[in-house]
Each structure stands twice: as structure tokens, then as C-alpha cells.
Amino acid sequence: MNLQDQFDQALTDSKSLPERPDNMTLLRIYALYKQASSGDADGKRPGLTDMVARAKWDAWDMQKGMSKEDAMQRYIDAIAELKG
């Protein structure tokens, strides 16, 4: 199975985890997903009034410079860890 197939499987697996991850873990897997699928964070950072969007953007921006392949592998590993 190639990396893209493993990533796609991890996306599917993420929807049926045994329990909901804590918010910091959710931010981490969101950021890895965005980095793998869209590359470096772009656009304007959301304002203070939208705390959720701002936290998500900040988590994604922290992945800046990470390659698509590395982000995909880290996402796959994170979901595998959550699956147990």
C-alpha cells in the first residue's frame, strides 16, 4: 500500500476511533491533515473573536515547511496510535 492509500485509510479510520481525542490531539491531527492536503498555511490568521478557527490556523501554521509526505506519515502514525 503506498503512502497516499495509507493516508486515505487513516482518514477513513479517523471517523471511527474508539473514543473522541482531546482538543490538543484534535488540533494536531487537523494540522497534519491540512499540511498534507494543502501545504503551508495561507491566508489571513482569523481574528480573536473566532477562537476555534484561530487555534486551528495556528496549529496548521506550526507545521510550516513540513513536506506533504512527512505530514501524511505523521497523520497516519497519529491515527494508528489513537486506534490503539
N, C-alpha and C. Protein backbone atom coordinates (compact mmCIF):
# COMPACT_ATOMS: atom_id res chain seq x y z
N MET A 1 0.86 -1.17 0.00
CA MET A 1 0.00 0.00 0.00
C MET A 1 0.90 1.24 0.00
N ASN A 2 0.67 2.14 -0.94
CA ASN A 2 1.51 3.34 -1.00
C ASN A 2 1.06 4.36 0.05
N LEU A 3 1.84 5.43 0.18
CA LEU A 3 1.59 6.44 1.21
C LEU A 3 0.21 7.08 1.06
N GLN A 4 -0.18 7.40 -0.17
CA GLN A 4 -1.50 8.02 -0.39
C GLN A 4 -2.62 7.08 0.04
N ASP A 5 -2.49 5.80 -0.27
CA ASP A 5 -3.51 4.82 0.14
C ASP A 5 -3.57 4.71 1.66
N GLN A 6 -2.41 4.71 2.31
CA GLN A 6 -2.37 4.65 3.77
C GLN A 6 -3.01 5.89 4.38
N PHE A 7 -2.73 7.04 3.77
CA PHE A 7 -3.32 8.30 4.24
C PHE A 7 -4.84 8.26 4.10
N ASP A 8 -5.32 7.81 2.95
CA ASP A 8 -6.76 7.71 2.72
C ASP A 8 -7.41 6.75 3.72
N GLN A 9 -6.72 5.65 4.03
CA GLN A 9 -7.25 4.71 5.01
C GLN A 9 -7.28 5.34 6.40
N ALA A 10 -6.25 6.11 6.74
CA ALA A 10 -6.21 6.79 8.04
C ALA A 10 -7.35 7.80 8.14
N LEU A 11 -7.66 8.49 7.03
CA LEU A 11 -8.81 9.41 7.03
C LEU A 11 -10.09 8.67 7.35
N THR A 12 -10.27 7.52 6.73
CA THR A 12 -11.46 6.70 6.99
C THR A 12 -11.47 6.24 8.45
N ASP A 13 -10.33 5.77 8.91
CA ASP A 13 -10.21 5.28 10.29
C ASP A 13 -10.47 6.38 11.32
N SER A 14 -10.12 7.61 10.97
CA SER A 14 -10.29 8.72 11.92
C SER A 14 -11.76 8.97 12.25
N LYS A 15 -12.64 8.53 11.40
CA LYS A 15 -14.08 8.75 11.62
C LYS A 15 -14.69 7.69 12.54
N SER A 16 -13.91 6.66 12.87
CA SER A 16 -14.45 5.60 13.72
C SER A 16 -13.48 5.23 14.85
N LEU A 17 -12.88 6.24 15.46
CA LEU A 17 -11.98 6.00 16.59
C LEU A 17 -12.78 5.51 17.78
N PRO A 18 -12.17 4.69 18.65
CA PRO A 18 -12.90 4.16 19.80
C PRO A 18 -13.40 5.24 20.76
N GLU A 19 -12.67 6.34 20.87
CA GLU A 19 -13.13 7.46 21.70
C GLU A 19 -12.65 8.77 21.09
N ARG A 20 -13.36 9.84 21.44
CA ARG A 20 -13.02 11.16 20.90
C ARG A 20 -11.72 11.65 21.53
N PRO A 21 -10.74 12.03 20.70
CA PRO A 21 -9.49 12.55 21.24
C PRO A 21 -9.70 13.90 21.95
N ASP A 22 -8.75 14.25 22.82
CA ASP A 22 -8.82 15.55 23.49
C ASP A 22 -8.57 16.66 22.46
N ASN A 23 -8.86 17.88 22.84
CA ASN A 23 -8.79 19.01 21.90
C ASN A 23 -7.39 19.23 21.34
N MET A 24 -6.35 19.07 22.14
CA MET A 24 -4.99 19.27 21.64
C MET A 24 -4.64 18.22 20.59
N THR A 25 -5.08 16.99 20.80
CA THR A 25 -4.83 15.93 19.82
C THR A 25 -5.61 16.20 18.55
N LEU A 26 -6.86 16.66 18.70
CA LEU A 26 -7.66 17.01 17.52
C LEU A 26 -6.99 18.11 16.71
N LEU A 27 -6.44 19.12 17.39
CA LEU A 27 -5.73 20.19 16.69
C LEU A 27 -4.51 19.66 15.95
N ARG A 28 -3.79 18.75 16.58
CA ARG A 28 -2.59 18.18 15.96
C ARG A 28 -2.93 17.39 14.71
N ILE A 29 -3.96 16.53 14.78
CA ILE A 29 -4.29 15.74 13.59
C ILE A 29 -4.93 16.62 12.50
N TYR A 30 -5.65 17.65 12.91
CA TYR A 30 -6.19 18.60 11.93
C TYR A 30 -5.04 19.29 11.19
N ALA A 31 -4.06 19.75 11.95
CA ALA A 31 -2.93 20.47 11.36
C ALA A 31 -2.15 19.57 10.41
N LEU A 32 -1.95 18.33 10.81
CA LEU A 32 -1.24 17.39 9.92
C LEU A 32 -2.04 17.11 8.65
N TYR A 33 -3.35 16.96 8.81
CA TYR A 33 -4.21 16.75 7.64
C TYR A 33 -4.12 17.94 6.69
N LYS A 34 -4.24 19.15 7.22
CA LYS A 34 -4.20 20.35 6.38
C LYS A 34 -2.83 20.49 5.69
N GLN A 35 -1.75 20.21 6.42
CA GLN A 35 -0.42 20.31 5.83
C GLN A 35 -0.25 19.28 4.72
N ALA A 36 -0.77 18.07 4.93
CA ALA A 36 -0.66 17.02 3.93
C ALA A 36 -1.52 17.31 2.70
N SER A 37 -2.68 17.90 2.92
CA SER A 37 -3.60 18.10 1.80
C SER A 37 -3.49 19.46 1.13
N SER A 38 -3.01 20.48 1.88
CA SER A 38 -2.99 21.85 1.33
C SER A 38 -1.63 22.53 1.37
N GLY A 39 -0.67 21.94 2.06
CA GLY A 39 0.63 22.60 2.19
C GLY A 39 0.62 23.62 3.31
N ASP A 40 1.56 24.55 3.25
CA ASP A 40 1.69 25.56 4.31
C ASP A 40 0.43 26.41 4.44
N ALA A 41 0.17 26.81 5.69
CA ALA A 41 -0.98 27.68 5.98
C ALA A 41 -0.90 28.94 5.14
N ASP A 42 -2.03 29.33 4.60
CA ASP A 42 -2.08 30.55 3.82
C ASP A 42 -3.29 31.37 4.23
N GLY A 43 -3.37 32.54 3.69
CA GLY A 43 -4.48 33.41 4.05
C GLY A 43 -4.20 34.14 5.34
N LYS A 44 -5.17 34.89 5.73
CA LYS A 44 -5.04 35.73 6.92
C LYS A 44 -5.41 34.93 8.17
N ARG A 45 -4.66 35.15 9.23
CA ARG A 45 -4.95 34.50 10.51
C ARG A 45 -6.29 35.01 11.01
N PRO A 46 -7.20 34.11 11.42
CA PRO A 46 -8.50 34.54 11.95
C PRO A 46 -8.35 35.44 13.16
N GLY A 47 -9.30 36.31 13.36
CA GLY A 47 -9.27 37.27 14.46
C GLY A 47 -9.55 36.64 15.80
N LEU A 48 -9.39 37.42 16.85
CA LEU A 48 -9.59 36.95 18.21
C LEU A 48 -11.02 36.52 18.51
N THR A 49 -11.97 37.04 17.77
CA THR A 49 -13.36 36.70 18.04
C THR A 49 -13.72 35.29 17.59
N ASP A 50 -12.91 34.70 16.71
CA ASP A 50 -13.16 33.33 16.26
C ASP A 50 -12.04 32.44 16.80
N MET A 51 -12.15 32.09 18.09
CA MET A 51 -11.08 31.38 18.77
C MET A 51 -10.81 29.99 18.20
N VAL A 52 -11.85 29.28 17.79
CA VAL A 52 -11.67 27.94 17.25
C VAL A 52 -10.90 27.99 15.93
N ALA A 53 -11.35 28.86 15.01
CA ALA A 53 -10.66 28.98 13.72
C ALA A 53 -9.23 29.45 13.92
N ARG A 54 -9.01 30.33 14.87
CA ARG A 54 -7.67 30.84 15.14
C ARG A 54 -6.77 29.73 15.66
N ALA A 55 -7.27 28.90 16.57
CA ALA A 55 -6.48 27.79 17.11
C ALA A 55 -6.15 26.79 16.02
N LYS A 56 -7.11 26.51 15.16
CA LYS A 56 -6.87 25.58 14.05
C LYS A 56 -5.83 26.14 13.09
N TRP A 57 -5.94 27.42 12.76
CA TRP A 57 -4.98 28.04 11.84
C TRP A 57 -3.59 28.06 12.45
N ASP A 58 -3.50 28.39 13.74
CA ASP A 58 -2.21 28.42 14.42
C ASP A 58 -1.56 27.04 14.44
N ALA A 59 -2.35 26.00 14.72
CA ALA A 59 -1.81 24.64 14.73
C ALA A 59 -1.29 24.26 13.34
N TRP A 60 -2.04 24.63 12.31
CA TRP A 60 -1.63 24.35 10.94
C TRP A 60 -0.36 25.13 10.60
N ASP A 61 -0.31 26.40 11.00
CA ASP A 61 0.84 27.24 10.69
C ASP A 61 2.11 26.72 11.36
N MET A 62 1.99 26.03 12.48
CA MET A 62 3.14 25.46 13.16
C MET A 62 3.79 24.34 12.35
N GLN A 63 3.08 23.81 11.37
CA GLN A 63 3.62 22.74 10.52
C GLN A 63 4.35 23.29 9.30
N LYS A 64 4.44 24.61 9.20
CA LYS A 64 5.03 25.27 8.03
C LYS A 64 6.38 24.66 7.67
N GLY A 65 6.55 24.36 6.40
CA GLY A 65 7.81 23.82 5.92
C GLY A 65 7.87 22.30 5.91
N MET A 66 6.92 21.64 6.57
CA MET A 66 6.90 20.18 6.58
C MET A 66 6.43 19.69 5.21
N SER A 67 7.09 18.68 4.68
CA SER A 67 6.72 18.16 3.37
C SER A 67 5.37 17.45 3.44
N LYS A 68 4.73 17.36 2.31
CA LYS A 68 3.44 16.66 2.22
C LYS A 68 3.59 15.22 2.69
N GLU A 69 4.65 14.57 2.25
CA GLU A 69 4.87 13.16 2.59
C GLU A 69 5.09 12.97 4.09
N ASP A 70 5.87 13.86 4.70
CA ASP A 70 6.12 13.78 6.14
C ASP A 70 4.82 14.01 6.92
N ALA A 71 4.04 14.99 6.49
CA ALA A 71 2.76 15.27 7.16
C ALA A 71 1.82 14.08 7.02
N MET A 72 1.79 13.47 5.85
CA MET A 72 0.94 12.30 5.64
C MET A 72 1.35 11.17 6.59
N GLN A 73 2.66 10.91 6.67
CA GLN A 73 3.14 9.82 7.52
C GLN A 73 2.85 10.11 8.99
N ARG A 74 3.03 11.34 9.42
CA ARG A 74 2.75 11.69 10.82
C ARG A 74 1.25 11.58 11.12
N TYR A 75 0.41 11.92 10.14
CA TYR A 75 -1.04 11.77 10.31
C TYR A 75 -1.39 10.28 10.45
N ILE A 76 -0.84 9.46 9.56
CA ILE A 76 -1.07 8.02 9.60
C ILE A 76 -0.66 7.46 10.96
N ASP A 77 0.52 7.86 11.44
CA ASP A 77 1.01 7.38 12.73
C ASP A 77 0.12 7.84 13.89
N ALA A 78 -0.34 9.08 13.83
CA ALA A 78 -1.20 9.61 14.90
C ALA A 78 -2.52 8.86 14.97
N ILE A 79 -3.12 8.59 13.81
CA ILE A 79 -4.40 7.86 13.81
C ILE A 79 -4.19 6.44 14.27
N ALA A 80 -3.10 5.81 13.85
CA ALA A 80 -2.81 4.43 14.29
C ALA A 80 -2.66 4.38 15.82
N GLU A 81 -2.01 5.38 16.38
CA GLU A 81 -1.84 5.45 17.83
C GLU A 81 -3.20 5.60 18.53
N LEU A 82 -4.08 6.42 17.96
CA LEU A 82 -5.40 6.64 18.55
C LEU A 82 -6.29 5.40 18.45
N LYS A 83 -6.07 4.61 17.39
CA LYS A 83 -6.87 3.39 17.22
C LYS A 83 -6.50 2.34 18.27
N GLY A 84 -5.29 2.45 18.81
CA GLY A 84 -4.87 1.53 19.85
C GLY A 84 -4.16 0.37 19.37
